PDB file of N, CA and C in Angstrom:
ATOM      1  N   MET A   1     -65.253  43.156 -47.699  1.00  0.00           N
ATOM      2  CA  MET A   1     -65.230  41.812 -48.243  1.00  0.00           C
ATOM      3  C   MET A   1     -65.081  40.803 -47.095  1.00  0.00           C
ATOM      4  N   PRO A   2     -65.947  39.775 -47.045  1.00  0.00           N
ATOM      5  CA  PRO A   2     -65.877  38.822 -45.936  1.00  0.00           C
ATOM      6  C   PRO A   2     -64.597  37.978 -45.996  1.00  0.00           C
ATOM      7  N   LYS A   3     -64.168  37.586 -44.800  1.00  0.00           N
ATOM      8  CA  LYS A   3     -62.967  36.747 -44.725  1.00  0.00           C
ATOM      9  C   LYS A   3     -63.271  35.350 -45.245  1.00  0.00           C
ATOM     10  N   LYS A   4     -62.266  34.749 -45.848  1.00  0.00           N
ATOM     11  CA  LYS A   4     -62.437  33.373 -46.315  1.00  0.00           C
ATOM     12  C   LYS A   4     -62.229  32.427 -45.143  1.00  0.00           C
ATOM     13  N   ARG A   5     -63.152  31.528 -44.997  1.00  0.00           N
ATOM     14  CA  ARG A   5     -63.043  30.538 -43.933  1.00  0.00           C
ATOM     15  C   ARG A   5     -62.407  29.273 -44.491  1.00  0.00           C
ATOM     16  N   PRO A   6     -61.627  28.613 -43.665  1.00  0.00           N
ATOM     17  CA  PRO A   6     -61.129  27.311 -44.129  1.00  0.00           C
ATOM     18  C   PRO A   6     -62.304  26.342 -44.242  1.00  0.00           C
ATOM     19  N   LYS A   7     -62.310  25.546 -45.274  1.00  0.00           N
ATOM     20  CA  LYS A   7     -63.444  24.662 -45.528  1.00  0.00           C
ATOM     21  C   LYS A   7     -63.456  23.431 -44.639  1.00  0.00           C
ATOM     22  N   GLY A   8     -62.499  23.314 -43.763  1.00  0.00           N
ATOM     23  CA  GLY A   8     -62.441  22.151 -42.898  1.00  0.00           C
ATOM     24  C   GLY A   8     -61.203  21.340 -43.230  1.00  0.00           C
ATOM     25  N   ARG A   9     -60.668  20.724 -42.225  1.00  0.00           N
ATOM     26  CA  ARG A   9     -59.457  19.953 -42.445  1.00  0.00           C
ATOM     27  C   ARG A   9     -59.790  18.612 -43.045  1.00  0.00           C
ATOM     28  N   LYS A  10     -58.895  18.137 -43.885  1.00  0.00           N
ATOM     29  CA  LYS A  10     -59.065  16.785 -44.397  1.00  0.00           C
ATOM     30  C   LYS A  10     -58.734  15.822 -43.276  1.00  0.00           C
ATOM     31  N   ARG A  11     -59.499  14.781 -43.196  1.00  0.00           N
ATOM     32  CA  ARG A  11     -59.267  13.800 -42.163  1.00  0.00           C
ATOM     33  C   ARG A  11     -58.005  13.011 -42.499  1.00  0.00           C
ATOM     34  N   GLU A  12     -57.104  12.927 -41.535  1.00  0.00           N
ATOM     35  CA  GLU A  12     -55.890  12.191 -41.842  1.00  0.00           C
ATOM     36  C   GLU A  12     -56.145  10.694 -41.731  1.00  0.00           C
ATOM     37  N   ARG A  13     -55.501   9.966 -42.601  1.00  0.00           N
ATOM     38  CA  ARG A  13     -55.703   8.523 -42.636  1.00  0.00           C
ATOM     39  C   ARG A  13     -54.614   7.850 -41.834  1.00  0.00           C
ATOM     40  N   LYS A  14     -55.026   7.144 -40.812  1.00  0.00           N
ATOM     41  CA  LYS A  14     -54.070   6.427 -39.993  1.00  0.00           C
ATOM     42  C   LYS A  14     -53.881   5.037 -40.587  1.00  0.00           C
ATOM     43  N   SER A  15     -52.698   4.531 -40.444  1.00  0.00           N
ATOM     44  CA  SER A  15     -52.451   3.169 -40.900  1.00  0.00           C
ATOM     45  C   SER A  15     -52.834   2.218 -39.774  1.00  0.00           C
ATOM     46  N   ILE A  16     -53.891   1.460 -39.996  1.00  0.00           N
ATOM     47  CA  ILE A  16     -54.403   0.540 -38.985  1.00  0.00           C
ATOM     48  C   ILE A  16     -54.321  -0.868 -39.565  1.00  0.00           C
ATOM     49  N   PRO A  17     -53.298  -1.658 -39.201  1.00  0.00           N
ATOM     50  CA  PRO A  17     -53.128  -2.973 -39.828  1.00  0.00           C
ATOM     51  C   PRO A  17     -54.132  -4.023 -39.362  1.00  0.00           C
ATOM     52  N   ALA A  18     -54.593  -3.944 -38.116  1.00  0.00           N
ATOM     53  CA  ALA A  18     -55.507  -4.961 -37.592  1.00  0.00           C
ATOM     54  C   ALA A  18     -56.725  -4.286 -36.974  1.00  0.00           C
ATOM     55  N   GLY A  19     -57.833  -5.016 -36.949  1.00  0.00           N
ATOM     56  CA  GLY A  19     -59.049  -4.455 -36.379  1.00  0.00           C
ATOM     57  C   GLY A  19     -60.094  -5.524 -36.148  1.00  0.00           C
ATOM     58  N   LYS A  20     -61.332  -5.084 -36.049  1.00  0.00           N
ATOM     59  CA  LYS A  20     -62.452  -5.987 -35.795  1.00  0.00           C
ATOM     60  C   LYS A  20     -63.539  -5.738 -36.831  1.00  0.00           C
ATOM     61  N   ALA A  21     -64.225  -6.799 -37.224  1.00  0.00           N
ATOM     62  CA  ALA A  21     -65.346  -6.695 -38.160  1.00  0.00           C
ATOM     63  C   ALA A  21     -66.597  -7.201 -37.450  1.00  0.00           C
ATOM     64  N   TYR A  22     -67.608  -6.364 -37.397  1.00  0.00           N
ATOM     65  CA  TYR A  22     -68.881  -6.731 -36.785  1.00  0.00           C
ATOM     66  C   TYR A  22     -69.914  -6.882 -37.888  1.00  0.00           C
ATOM     67  N   ILE A  23     -70.565  -8.040 -37.932  1.00  0.00           N
ATOM     68  CA  ILE A  23     -71.614  -8.289 -38.917  1.00  0.00           C
ATOM     69  C   ILE A  23     -72.920  -8.455 -38.155  1.00  0.00           C
ATOM     70  N   GLN A  24     -73.848  -7.551 -38.404  1.00  0.00           N
ATOM     71  CA  GLN A  24     -75.162  -7.646 -37.778  1.00  0.00           C
ATOM     72  C   GLN A  24     -76.159  -8.010 -38.862  1.00  0.00           C
ATOM     73  N   ALA A  25     -76.633  -9.248 -38.826  1.00  0.00           N
ATOM     74  CA  ALA A  25     -77.527  -9.746 -39.861  1.00  0.00           C
ATOM     75  C   ALA A  25     -78.924  -9.923 -39.277  1.00  0.00           C
ATOM     76  N   THR A  26     -79.818  -9.011 -39.613  1.00  0.00           N
ATOM     77  CA  THR A  26     -81.204  -9.126 -39.179  1.00  0.00           C
ATOM     78  C   THR A  26     -82.021  -9.730 -40.314  1.00  0.00           C
ATOM     79  N   PHE A  27     -83.296  -9.910 -40.085  1.00  0.00           N
ATOM     80  CA  PHE A  27     -84.155 -10.455 -41.138  1.00  0.00           C
ATOM     81  C   PHE A  27     -84.399  -9.442 -42.247  1.00  0.00           C
ATOM     82  N   ASN A  28     -84.170  -8.151 -41.960  1.00  0.00           N
ATOM     83  CA  ASN A  28     -84.460  -7.113 -42.946  1.00  0.00           C
ATOM     84  C   ASN A  28     -83.239  -6.455 -43.562  1.00  0.00           C
ATOM     85  N   ASN A  29     -82.076  -6.571 -42.948  1.00  0.00           N
ATOM     86  CA  ASN A  29     -80.902  -5.831 -43.409  1.00  0.00           C
ATOM     87  C   ASN A  29     -79.648  -6.505 -42.873  1.00  0.00           C
ATOM     88  N   THR A  30     -78.506  -6.188 -43.460  1.00  0.00           N
ATOM     89  CA  THR A  30     -77.217  -6.650 -42.957  1.00  0.00           C
ATOM     90  C   THR A  30     -76.293  -5.444 -42.868  1.00  0.00           C
ATOM     91  N   ILE A  31     -75.692  -5.244 -41.701  1.00  0.00           N
ATOM     92  CA  ILE A  31     -74.801  -4.113 -41.474  1.00  0.00           C
ATOM     93  C   ILE A  31     -73.417  -4.648 -41.132  1.00  0.00           C
ATOM     94  N   VAL A  32     -72.403  -4.166 -41.840  1.00  0.00           N
ATOM     95  CA  VAL A  32     -71.016  -4.572 -41.612  1.00  0.00           C
ATOM     96  C   VAL A  32     -70.254  -3.344 -41.125  1.00  0.00           C
ATOM     97  N   THR A  33     -69.627  -3.450 -39.956  1.00  0.00           N
ATOM     98  CA  THR A  33     -68.863  -2.347 -39.381  1.00  0.00           C
ATOM     99  C   THR A  33     -67.439  -2.813 -39.137  1.00  0.00           C
ATOM    100  N   LEU A  34     -66.467  -2.042 -39.618  1.00  0.00           N
ATOM    101  CA  LEU A  34     -65.059  -2.358 -39.412  1.00  0.00           C
ATOM    102  C   LEU A  34     -64.463  -1.313 -38.475  1.00  0.00           C
ATOM    103  N   THR A  35     -63.812  -1.788 -37.402  1.00  0.00           N
ATOM    104  CA  THR A  35     -63.281  -0.887 -36.387  1.00  0.00           C
ATOM    105  C   THR A  35     -61.799  -1.157 -36.153  1.00  0.00           C
ATOM    106  N   ASP A  36     -61.148  -0.224 -35.454  1.00  0.00           N
ATOM    107  CA  ASP A  36     -59.780  -0.471 -35.010  1.00  0.00           C
ATOM    108  C   ASP A  36     -59.861  -1.330 -33.741  1.00  0.00           C
ATOM    109  N   PRO A  37     -58.729  -1.777 -33.184  1.00  0.00           N
ATOM    110  CA  PRO A  37     -58.794  -2.658 -32.004  1.00  0.00           C
ATOM    111  C   PRO A  37     -59.505  -2.047 -30.793  1.00  0.00           C
ATOM    112  N   GLU A  38     -59.531  -0.709 -30.697  1.00  0.00           N
ATOM    113  CA  GLU A  38     -60.209  -0.062 -29.567  1.00  0.00           C
ATOM    114  C   GLU A  38     -61.713   0.049 -29.777  1.00  0.00           C
ATOM    115  N   GLY A  39     -62.187  -0.168 -30.993  1.00  0.00           N
ATOM    116  CA  GLY A  39     -63.610  -0.097 -31.270  1.00  0.00           C
ATOM    117  C   GLY A  39     -64.050   1.158 -31.990  1.00  0.00           C
ATOM    118  N   ASN A  40     -63.111   2.014 -32.398  1.00  0.00           N
ATOM    119  CA  ASN A  40     -63.468   3.212 -33.158  1.00  0.00           C
ATOM    120  C   ASN A  40     -63.751   2.826 -34.607  1.00  0.00           C
ATOM    121  N   VAL A  41     -64.866   3.278 -35.133  1.00  0.00           N
ATOM    122  CA  VAL A  41     -65.305   2.868 -36.465  1.00  0.00           C
ATOM    123  C   VAL A  41     -64.386   3.447 -37.538  1.00  0.00           C
ATOM    124  N   ILE A  42     -63.924   2.563 -38.418  1.00  0.00           N
ATOM    125  CA  ILE A  42     -63.115   2.964 -39.571  1.00  0.00           C
ATOM    126  C   ILE A  42     -64.020   3.104 -40.788  1.00  0.00           C
ATOM    127  N   ALA A  43     -64.847   2.079 -41.019  1.00  0.00           N
ATOM    128  CA  ALA A  43     -65.744   2.081 -42.175  1.00  0.00           C
ATOM    129  C   ALA A  43     -66.938   1.188 -41.869  1.00  0.00           C
ATOM    130  N   TRP A  44     -68.023   1.454 -42.566  1.00  0.00           N
ATOM    131  CA  TRP A  44     -69.203   0.607 -42.408  1.00  0.00           C
ATOM    132  C   TRP A  44     -69.970   0.567 -43.717  1.00  0.00           C
ATOM    133  N   GLY A  45     -70.806  -0.436 -43.838  1.00  0.00           N
ATOM    134  CA  GLY A  45     -71.657  -0.554 -45.013  1.00  0.00           C
ATOM    135  C   GLY A  45     -72.879  -1.374 -44.659  1.00  0.00           C
ATOM    136  N   SER A  46     -73.960  -1.135 -45.360  1.00  0.00           N
ATOM    137  CA  SER A  46     -75.169  -1.920 -45.133  1.00  0.00           C
ATOM    138  C   SER A  46     -75.811  -2.212 -46.477  1.00  0.00           C
ATOM    139  N   SER A  47     -76.751  -3.129 -46.457  1.00  0.00           N
ATOM    140  CA  SER A  47     -77.447  -3.467 -47.697  1.00  0.00           C
ATOM    141  C   SER A  47     -78.192  -2.265 -48.242  1.00  0.00           C
ATOM    142  N   GLY A  48     -78.679  -1.414 -47.355  1.00  0.00           N
ATOM    143  CA  GLY A  48     -79.382  -0.213 -47.787  1.00  0.00           C
ATOM    144  C   GLY A  48     -78.461   0.784 -48.469  1.00  0.00           C
ATOM    145  N   THR A  49     -77.261   0.986 -47.919  1.00  0.00           N
ATOM    146  CA  THR A  49     -76.331   1.923 -48.548  1.00  0.00           C
ATOM    147  C   THR A  49     -75.731   1.353 -49.825  1.00  0.00           C
ATOM    148  N   ALA A  50     -75.825   0.042 -50.002  1.00  0.00           N
ATOM    149  CA  ALA A  50     -75.350  -0.581 -51.244  1.00  0.00           C
ATOM    150  C   ALA A  50     -76.360  -0.394 -52.372  1.00  0.00           C
ATOM    151  N   GLY A  51     -77.508   0.212 -52.060  1.00  0.00           N
ATOM    152  CA  GLY A  51     -78.467   0.548 -53.105  1.00  0.00           C
ATOM    153  C   GLY A  51     -79.711  -0.317 -53.150  1.00  0.00           C
ATOM    154  N   PHE A  52     -79.885  -1.183 -52.167  1.00  0.00           N
ATOM    155  CA  PHE A  52     -81.049  -2.062 -52.166  1.00  0.00           C
ATOM    156  C   PHE A  52     -82.142  -1.477 -51.287  1.00  0.00           C
ATOM    157  N   LYS A  53     -83.388  -1.706 -51.677  1.00  0.00           N
ATOM    158  CA  LYS A  53     -84.529  -1.238 -50.900  1.00  0.00           C
ATOM    159  C   LYS A  53     -85.478  -2.394 -50.646  1.00  0.00           C
ATOM    160  N   GLY A  54     -86.244  -2.257 -49.595  1.00  0.00           N
ATOM    161  CA  GLY A  54     -87.296  -3.228 -49.318  1.00  0.00           C
ATOM    162  C   GLY A  54     -86.763  -4.620 -49.032  1.00  0.00           C
ATOM    163  N   SER A  55     -87.446  -5.623 -49.566  1.00  0.00           N
ATOM    164  CA  SER A  55     -87.097  -7.006 -49.252  1.00  0.00           C
ATOM    165  C   SER A  55     -85.777  -7.432 -49.881  1.00  0.00           C
ATOM    166  N   ARG A  56     -85.256  -6.673 -50.838  1.00  0.00           N
ATOM    167  CA  ARG A  56     -83.970  -7.041 -51.449  1.00  0.00           C
ATOM    168  C   ARG A  56     -82.794  -6.794 -50.510  1.00  0.00           C
ATOM    169  N   LYS A  57     -83.015  -5.959 -49.484  1.00  0.00           N
ATOM    170  CA  LYS A  57     -81.941  -5.707 -48.517  1.00  0.00           C
ATOM    171  C   LYS A  57     -81.586  -6.956 -47.725  1.00  0.00           C
ATOM    172  N   SER A  58     -82.522  -7.862 -47.570  1.00  0.00           N
ATOM    173  CA  SER A  58     -82.291  -9.034 -46.730  1.00  0.00           C
ATOM    174  C   SER A  58     -81.649 -10.196 -47.477  1.00  0.00           C
ATOM    175  N   THR A  59     -81.261 -10.005 -48.738  1.00  0.00           N
ATOM    176  CA  THR A  59     -80.690 -11.099 -49.521  1.00  0.00           C
ATOM    177  C   THR A  59     -79.197 -11.261 -49.237  1.00  0.00           C
ATOM    178  N   PRO A  60     -78.677 -12.471 -49.441  1.00  0.00           N
ATOM    179  CA  PRO A  60     -77.239 -12.689 -49.277  1.00  0.00           C
ATOM    180  C   PRO A  60     -76.398 -11.848 -50.239  1.00  0.00           C
ATOM    181  N   TYR A  61     -76.893 -11.620 -51.440  1.00  0.00           N
ATOM    182  CA  TYR A  61     -76.139 -10.822 -52.413  1.00  0.00           C
ATOM    183  C   TYR A  61     -75.974  -9.380 -51.929  1.00  0.00           C
ATOM    184  N   ALA A  62     -77.017  -8.825 -51.338  1.00  0.00           N
ATOM    185  CA  ALA A  62     -76.939  -7.464 -50.800  1.00  0.00           C
ATOM    186  C   ALA A  62     -75.927  -7.401 -49.656  1.00  0.00           C
ATOM    187  N   ALA A  63     -75.894  -8.433 -48.822  1.00  0.00           N
ATOM    188  CA  ALA A  63     -74.921  -8.482 -47.728  1.00  0.00           C
ATOM    189  C   ALA A  63     -73.501  -8.568 -48.269  1.00  0.00           C
ATOM    190  N   GLN A  64     -73.331  -9.304 -49.343  1.00  0.00           N
ATOM    191  CA  GLN A  64     -72.017  -9.440 -49.974  1.00  0.00           C
ATOM    192  C   GLN A  64     -71.514  -8.085 -50.467  1.00  0.00           C
ATOM    193  N   LEU A  65     -72.379  -7.326 -51.128  1.00  0.00           N
ATOM    194  CA  LEU A  65     -71.985  -6.009 -51.628  1.00  0.00           C
ATOM    195  C   LEU A  65     -71.722  -5.029 -50.487  1.00  0.00           C
ATOM    196  N   ALA A  66     -72.513  -5.121 -49.426  1.00  0.00           N
ATOM    197  CA  ALA A  66     -72.312  -4.238 -48.275  1.00  0.00           C
ATOM    198  C   ALA A  66     -70.947  -4.492 -47.639  1.00  0.00           C
ATOM    199  N   ALA A  67     -70.590  -5.758 -47.485  1.00  0.00           N
ATOM    200  CA  ALA A  67     -69.288  -6.100 -46.907  1.00  0.00           C
ATOM    201  C   ALA A  67     -68.157  -5.645 -47.818  1.00  0.00           C
ATOM    202  N   ARG A  68     -68.328  -5.834 -49.118  1.00  0.00           N
ATOM    203  CA  ARG A  68     -67.283  -5.442 -50.073  1.00  0.00           C
ATOM    204  C   ARG A  68     -67.047  -3.926 -50.036  1.00  0.00           C
ATOM    205  N   ASP A  69     -68.126  -3.150 -49.967  1.00  0.00           N
ATOM    206  CA  ASP A  69     -67.998  -1.692 -49.898  1.00  0.00           C
ATOM    207  C   ASP A  69     -67.273  -1.255 -48.622  1.00  0.00           C
ATOM    208  N   ALA A  70     -67.631  -1.867 -47.497  1.00  0.00           N
ATOM    209  CA  ALA A  70     -66.997  -1.509 -46.225  1.00  0.00           C
ATOM    210  C   ALA A  70     -65.512  -1.862 -46.238  1.00  0.00           C
ATOM    211  N   VAL A  71     -65.178  -3.010 -46.813  1.00  0.00           N
ATOM    212  CA  VAL A  71     -63.777  -3.436 -46.862  1.00  0.00           C
ATOM    213  C   VAL A  71     -62.957  -2.500 -47.738  1.00  0.00           C
ATOM    214  N   ARG A  72     -63.509  -2.066 -48.847  1.00  0.00           N
ATOM    215  CA  ARG A  72     -62.778  -1.139 -49.723  1.00  0.00           C
ATOM    216  C   ARG A  72     -62.445   0.158 -48.999  1.00  0.00           C
ATOM    217  N   LYS A  73     -63.421   0.678 -48.244  1.00  0.00           N
ATOM    218  CA  LYS A  73     -63.176   1.908 -47.489  1.00  0.00           C
ATOM    219  C   LYS A  73     -62.114   1.685 -46.411  1.00  0.00           C
ATOM    220  N   ALA A  74     -62.187   0.536 -45.732  1.00  0.00           N
ATOM    221  CA  ALA A  74     -61.256   0.263 -44.633  1.00  0.00           C
ATOM    222  C   ALA A  74     -59.842   0.000 -45.139  1.00  0.00           C
ATOM    223  N   MET A  75     -59.716  -0.600 -46.302  1.00  0.00           N
ATOM    224  CA  MET A  75     -58.383  -0.891 -46.833  1.00  0.00           C
ATOM    225  C   MET A  75     -57.642   0.391 -47.213  1.00  0.00           C
ATOM    226  N   GLU A  76     -58.376   1.464 -47.474  1.00  0.00           N
ATOM    227  CA  GLU A  76     -57.727   2.752 -47.713  1.00  0.00           C
ATOM    228  C   GLU A  76     -57.018   3.255 -46.456  1.00  0.00           C
ATOM    229  N   HIS A  77     -57.470   2.792 -45.302  1.00  0.00           N
ATOM    230  CA  HIS A  77     -56.845   3.153 -44.029  1.00  0.00           C
ATOM    231  C   HIS A  77     -55.761   2.153 -43.636  1.00  0.00           C
ATOM    232  N   GLY A  78     -55.508   1.168 -44.463  1.00  0.00           N
ATOM    233  CA  GLY A  78     -54.442   0.207 -44.202  1.00  0.00           C
ATOM    234  C   GLY A  78     -54.876  -1.052 -43.482  1.00  0.00           C
ATOM    235  N   LEU A  79     -56.165  -1.267 -43.314  1.00  0.00           N
ATOM    236  CA  LEU A  79     -56.646  -2.454 -42.606  1.00  0.00           C
ATOM    237  C   LEU A  79     -56.364  -3.709 -43.426  1.00  0.00           C
ATOM    238  N   ARG A  80     -55.768  -4.723 -42.798  1.00  0.00           N
ATOM    239  CA  ARG A  80     -55.429  -5.959 -43.495  1.00  0.00           C
ATOM    240  C   ARG A  80     -55.922  -7.211 -42.774  1.00  0.00           C
ATOM    241  N   GLN A  81     -56.117  -7.111 -41.459  1.00  0.00           N
ATOM    242  CA  GLN A  81     -56.463  -8.290 -40.679  1.00  0.00           C
ATOM    243  C   GLN A  81     -57.591  -7.943 -39.712  1.00  0.00           C
ATOM    244  N   VAL A  82     -58.595  -8.818 -39.618  1.00  0.00           N
ATOM    245  CA  VAL A  82     -59.720  -8.546 -38.721  1.00  0.00           C
ATOM    246  C   VAL A  82     -60.128  -9.792 -37.945  1.00  0.00           C
ATOM    247  N   GLU A  83     -60.698  -9.552 -36.776  1.00  0.00           N
ATOM    248  CA  GLU A  83     -61.417 -10.579 -36.031  1.00  0.00           C
ATOM    249  C   GLU A  83     -62.890 -10.349 -36.335  1.00  0.00           C
ATOM    250  N   VAL A  84     -63.621 -11.407 -36.641  1.00  0.00           N
ATOM    251  CA  VAL A  84     -65.015 -11.256 -37.060  1.00  0.00           C
ATOM    252  C   VAL A  84     -65.951 -11.603 -35.903  1.00  0.00           C
ATOM    253  N   TYR A  85     -66.902 -10.716 -35.647  1.00  0.00           N
ATOM    254  CA  TYR A  85     -67.939 -10.926 -34.641  1.00  0.00           C
ATOM    255  C   TYR A  85     -69.282 -10.894 -35.364  1.00  0.00           C
ATOM    256  N   ILE A  86     -70.096 -11.932 -35.140  1.00  0.00           N
ATOM    257  CA  ILE A  86     -71.356 -12.064 -35.871  1.00  0.00           C
ATOM    258  C   ILE A  86     -72.516 -11.986 -34.892  1.00  0.00           C
ATOM    259  N   LYS A  87     -73.557 -11.277 -35.321  1.00  0.00           N
ATOM    260  CA  LYS A  87     -74.721 -11.083 -34.477  1.00  0.00           C
ATOM    261  C   LYS A  87     -75.962 -11.231 -35.351  1.00  0.00           C
ATOM    262  N   GLY A  88     -76.928 -11.994 -34.915  1.00  0.00           N
ATOM    263  CA  GLY A  88     -78.207 -12.047 -35.605  1.00  0.00           C
ATOM    264  C   GLY A  88     -78.410 -13.268 -36.486  1.00  0.00           C
ATOM    265  N   PRO A  89     -79.675 -13.544 -36.815  1.00  0.00           N
ATOM    266  CA  PRO A  89     -80.049 -14.752 -37.550  1.00  0.00           C
ATOM    267  C   PRO A  89     -80.252 -14.557 -39.047  1.00  0.00           C
ATOM    268  N   GLY A  90     -79.888 -13.422 -39.596  1.00  0.00           N
ATOM    269  CA  GLY A  90     -80.248 -13.086 -40.976  1.00  0.00           C
ATOM    270  C   GLY A  90     -79.587 -13.938 -42.037  1.00  0.00           C
ATOM    271  N   SER A  91     -80.128 -13.839 -43.240  1.00  0.00           N
ATOM    272  CA  SER A  91     -79.646 -14.654 -44.356  1.00  0.00           C
ATOM    273  C   SER A  91     -78.326 -14.151 -44.920  1.00  0.00           C
ATOM    274  N   GLY A  92     -77.884 -12.965 -44.524  1.00  0.00           N
ATOM    275  CA  GLY A  92     -76.661 -12.411 -45.073  1.00  0.00           C
ATOM    276  C   GLY A  92     -75.402 -12.745 -44.293  1.00  0.00           C
ATOM    277  N   ARG A  93     -75.532 -13.545 -43.249  1.00  0.00           N
ATOM    278  CA  ARG A  93     -74.378 -13.843 -42.391  1.00  0.00           C
ATOM    279  C   ARG A  93     -73.217 -14.457 -43.158  1.00  0.00           C
ATOM    280  N   GLU A  94     -73.453 -15.609 -43.755  1.00  0.00           N
ATOM    281  CA  GLU A  94     -72.378 -16.341 -44.428  1.00  0.00           C
ATOM    282  C   GLU A  94     -71.861 -15.586 -45.645  1.00  0.00           C
ATOM    283  N   ALA A  95     -72.756 -14.938 -46.368  1.00  0.00           N
ATOM    284  CA  ALA A  95     -72.341 -14.184 -47.558  1.00  0.00           C
ATOM    285  C   ALA A  95     -71.408 -13.041 -47.175  1.00  0.00           C
ATOM    286  N   ALA A  96     -71.691 -12.370 -46.076  1.00  0.00           N
ATOM    287  CA  ALA A  96     -70.837 -11.268 -45.633  1.00  0.00           C
ATOM    288  C   ALA A  96     -69.463 -11.786 -45.206  1.00  0.00           C
ATOM    289  N   ILE A  97     -69.434 -12.921 -44.527  1.00  0.00           N
ATOM    290  CA  ILE A  97     -68.154 -13.504 -44.101  1.00  0.00           C
ATOM    291  C   ILE A  97     -67.330 -13.902 -45.318  1.00  0.00           C
ATOM    292  N   ARG A  98     -67.969 -14.557 -46.275  1.00  0.00           N
ATOM    293  CA  ARG A  98     -67.258 -14.970 -47.496  1.00  0.00           C
ATOM    294  C   ARG A  98     -66.714 -13.763 -48.242  1.00  0.00           C
ATOM    295  N   SER A  99     -67.481 -12.698 -48.262  1.00  0.00           N
ATOM    296  CA  SER A  99     -67.051 -11.489 -48.947  1.00  0.00           C
ATOM    297  C   SER A  99     -65.843 -10.859 -48.248  1.00  0.00           C
ATOM    298  N   LEU A 100     -65.822 -10.886 -46.926  1.00  0.00           N
ATOM    299  CA  LEU A 100     -64.667 -10.374 -46.184  1.00  0.00           C
ATOM    300  C   LEU A 100     -63.413 -11.170 -46.534  1.00  0.00           C
ATOM    301  N   GLN A 101     -63.555 -12.497 -46.589  1.00  0.00           N
ATOM    302  CA  GLN A 101     -62.409 -13.347 -46.898  1.00  0.00           C
ATOM    303  C   GLN A 101     -61.913 -13.129 -48.321  1.00  0.00           C
ATOM    304  N   SER A 102     -62.832 -13.046 -49.262  1.00  0.00           N
ATOM    305  CA  SER A 102     -62.424 -12.957 -50.665  1.00  0.00           C
ATOM    306  C   SER A 102     -61.855 -11.589 -51.028  1.00  0.00           C
ATOM    307  N   SER A 103     -62.129 -10.573 -50.206  1.00  0.00           N
ATOM    308  CA  SER A 103     -61.621  -9.246 -50.542  1.00  0.00           C
ATOM    309  C   SER A 103     -60.243  -8.972 -49.957  1.00  0.00           C
ATOM    310  N   GLY A 104     -59.624  -9.961 -49.360  1.00  0.00           N
ATOM    311  CA  GLY A 104     -58.231  -9.818 -48.963  1.00  0.00           C
ATOM    312  C   GLY A 104     -57.975  -9.585 -47.488  1.00  0.00           C
ATOM    313  N   LEU A 105     -59.007  -9.583 -46.658  1.00  0.00           N
ATOM    314  CA  LEU A 105     -58.783  -9.465 -45.216  1.00  0.00           C
ATOM    315  C   LEU A 105     -58.537 -10.851 -44.640  1.00  0.00           C
ATOM    316  N   TYR A 106     -57.649 -10.931 -43.662  1.00  0.00           N
ATOM    317  CA  TYR A 106     -57.330 -12.225 -43.053  1.00  0.00           C
ATOM    318  C   TYR A 106     -57.895 -12.318 -41.667  1.00  0.00           C
TER     319      TYR A 106
END
């Protein structure tokens, strides 16, 4: 009978109170990445992973949902405060920032 292998360790959740939020808004997509102060990724979301395809990915609403999804994942790790860095000319810039603010990050 073969030996049972451990299925892998569960990733431990560190409490990270402060971090950085990077918003990359292109003409086709918006990507939101939340990191710890050293730059290690805690959570990320994009308009594509929020379920949008094609030209709908570039809408402000898609950027809003992408930011909200990323924030929910990061808050499970204890993230409460972020510095926001914005890159790109896309239409989802302001919507992503507003979504970060309204979801409880300072």
